[in-house]
Amino acid sequence: MRGDNGHLVVAAGTNGSAVLVLSGPPDSNLGLMRIEAREAAGQVKALLG
């Protein structure tokens, strides 16, 4: 999502059990944020089992 004050990227967790939300400033690269969100979601999934 793009907003006047920045961006939010939401990544769904495994089986809907978790949601990861990233926020960034208005000049953030949304493509890079999405890549980072997927990587972070994978790490969270590994921690939660």
N, C-alpha and C. Protein backbone atom coordinates (compact mmCIF):
# COMPACT_ATOMS: atom_id res chain seq x y z
N MET A 1 0.84 -1.17 0.00
CA MET A 1 0.00 0.00 0.00
C MET A 1 0.88 1.24 0.00
N ARG A 2 0.45 2.20 -0.78
CA ARG A 2 1.17 3.48 -0.80
C ARG A 2 0.33 4.52 -0.07
N GLY A 3 0.98 5.32 0.73
CA GLY A 3 0.30 6.40 1.42
C GLY A 3 1.14 7.66 1.39
N ASP A 4 0.57 8.74 1.82
CA ASP A 4 1.29 10.02 1.84
C ASP A 4 2.51 9.98 2.76
N ASN A 5 2.44 9.17 3.81
CA ASN A 5 3.51 9.12 4.80
C ASN A 5 4.43 7.92 4.65
N GLY A 6 4.20 7.08 3.63
CA GLY A 6 5.06 5.93 3.43
C GLY A 6 4.31 4.75 2.84
N HIS A 7 4.92 3.58 2.95
CA HIS A 7 4.38 2.36 2.37
C HIS A 7 4.23 1.27 3.42
N LEU A 8 3.26 0.39 3.18
CA LEU A 8 3.10 -0.82 3.97
C LEU A 8 3.10 -2.01 3.03
N VAL A 9 3.82 -3.05 3.41
CA VAL A 9 3.81 -4.30 2.66
C VAL A 9 3.36 -5.38 3.63
N VAL A 10 2.37 -6.16 3.23
CA VAL A 10 1.81 -7.22 4.08
C VAL A 10 2.07 -8.56 3.41
N ALA A 11 2.65 -9.50 4.16
CA ALA A 11 2.92 -10.84 3.66
C ALA A 11 2.19 -11.84 4.54
N ALA A 12 1.41 -12.72 3.91
CA ALA A 12 0.67 -13.74 4.65
C ALA A 12 1.61 -14.82 5.16
N GLY A 13 1.27 -15.35 6.33
CA GLY A 13 2.04 -16.44 6.90
C GLY A 13 1.51 -17.79 6.45
N THR A 14 2.08 -18.83 6.99
CA THR A 14 1.69 -20.19 6.65
C THR A 14 0.29 -20.50 7.15
N ASN A 15 -0.54 -21.01 6.29
CA ASN A 15 -1.90 -21.41 6.65
C ASN A 15 -2.69 -20.30 7.33
N GLY A 16 -2.36 -19.07 7.05
CA GLY A 16 -3.09 -17.95 7.64
C GLY A 16 -2.84 -17.78 9.13
N SER A 17 -1.78 -18.39 9.64
CA SER A 17 -1.52 -18.34 11.08
C SER A 17 -0.75 -17.09 11.52
N ALA A 18 -0.19 -16.35 10.55
CA ALA A 18 0.59 -15.18 10.91
C ALA A 18 0.57 -14.19 9.74
N VAL A 19 0.81 -12.94 10.06
CA VAL A 19 0.91 -11.90 9.05
C VAL A 19 2.13 -11.05 9.37
N LEU A 20 2.93 -10.77 8.37
CA LEU A 20 4.11 -9.93 8.53
C LEU A 20 3.83 -8.59 7.86
N VAL A 21 4.06 -7.50 8.56
CA VAL A 21 3.83 -6.17 8.01
C VAL A 21 5.13 -5.38 8.07
N LEU A 22 5.53 -4.83 6.92
CA LEU A 22 6.71 -3.98 6.85
C LEU A 22 6.27 -2.57 6.51
N SER A 23 6.93 -1.59 7.08
CA SER A 23 6.63 -0.20 6.74
C SER A 23 7.91 0.48 6.28
N GLY A 24 7.75 1.45 5.38
CA GLY A 24 8.90 2.17 4.87
C GLY A 24 8.53 3.60 4.52
N PRO A 25 9.52 4.44 4.35
CA PRO A 25 9.28 5.85 4.02
C PRO A 25 8.72 6.00 2.61
N PRO A 26 8.23 7.18 2.26
CA PRO A 26 7.62 7.40 0.95
C PRO A 26 8.53 7.09 -0.24
N ASP A 27 9.83 7.20 -0.08
CA ASP A 27 10.74 6.94 -1.20
C ASP A 27 11.24 5.49 -1.24
N SER A 28 10.57 4.59 -0.50
CA SER A 28 10.95 3.18 -0.48
C SER A 28 10.73 2.54 -1.84
N ASN A 29 11.55 1.54 -2.14
CA ASN A 29 11.40 0.74 -3.35
C ASN A 29 10.45 -0.41 -3.01
N LEU A 30 9.21 -0.36 -3.52
CA LEU A 30 8.20 -1.37 -3.17
C LEU A 30 8.59 -2.76 -3.64
N GLY A 31 9.23 -2.87 -4.78
CA GLY A 31 9.66 -4.18 -5.26
C GLY A 31 10.65 -4.81 -4.30
N LEU A 32 11.60 -4.03 -3.84
CA LEU A 32 12.58 -4.53 -2.88
C LEU A 32 11.92 -4.88 -1.56
N MET A 33 10.96 -4.07 -1.14
CA MET A 33 10.25 -4.36 0.10
C MET A 33 9.50 -5.70 0.00
N ARG A 34 8.89 -5.98 -1.16
CA ARG A 34 8.19 -7.25 -1.34
C ARG A 34 9.15 -8.42 -1.28
N ILE A 35 10.33 -8.27 -1.88
CA ILE A 35 11.34 -9.34 -1.83
C ILE A 35 11.77 -9.57 -0.39
N GLU A 36 12.04 -8.50 0.32
CA GLU A 36 12.45 -8.61 1.72
C GLU A 36 11.34 -9.23 2.58
N ALA A 37 10.09 -8.88 2.29
CA ALA A 37 8.96 -9.43 3.04
C ALA A 37 8.88 -10.94 2.85
N ARG A 38 9.06 -11.41 1.62
CA ARG A 38 9.02 -12.86 1.37
C ARG A 38 10.13 -13.58 2.12
N GLU A 39 11.33 -13.00 2.09
CA GLU A 39 12.46 -13.61 2.79
C GLU A 39 12.21 -13.63 4.30
N ALA A 40 11.75 -12.52 4.85
CA ALA A 40 11.47 -12.44 6.28
C ALA A 40 10.35 -13.39 6.67
N ALA A 41 9.32 -13.50 5.83
CA ALA A 41 8.21 -14.42 6.11
C ALA A 41 8.72 -15.86 6.17
N GLY A 42 9.64 -16.21 5.31
CA GLY A 42 10.23 -17.55 5.35
C GLY A 42 11.01 -17.79 6.63
N GLN A 43 11.71 -16.78 7.10
CA GLN A 43 12.45 -16.91 8.35
C GLN A 43 11.51 -17.04 9.54
N VAL A 44 10.43 -16.27 9.54
CA VAL A 44 9.44 -16.35 10.62
C VAL A 44 8.79 -17.73 10.60
N LYS A 45 8.47 -18.23 9.42
CA LYS A 45 7.87 -19.56 9.28
C LYS A 45 8.78 -20.62 9.90
N ALA A 46 10.07 -20.53 9.64
CA ALA A 46 11.02 -21.50 10.19
C ALA A 46 11.07 -21.41 11.72
N LEU A 47 10.97 -20.20 12.26
CA LEU A 47 11.00 -20.04 13.72
C LEU A 47 9.73 -20.56 14.37
N LEU A 48 8.58 -20.35 13.71
CA LEU A 48 7.31 -20.78 14.30
C LEU A 48 7.03 -22.26 14.10
N GLY A 49 7.74 -22.84 13.16
CA GLY A 49 7.58 -24.28 12.91
C GLY A 49 6.51 -24.61 12.01
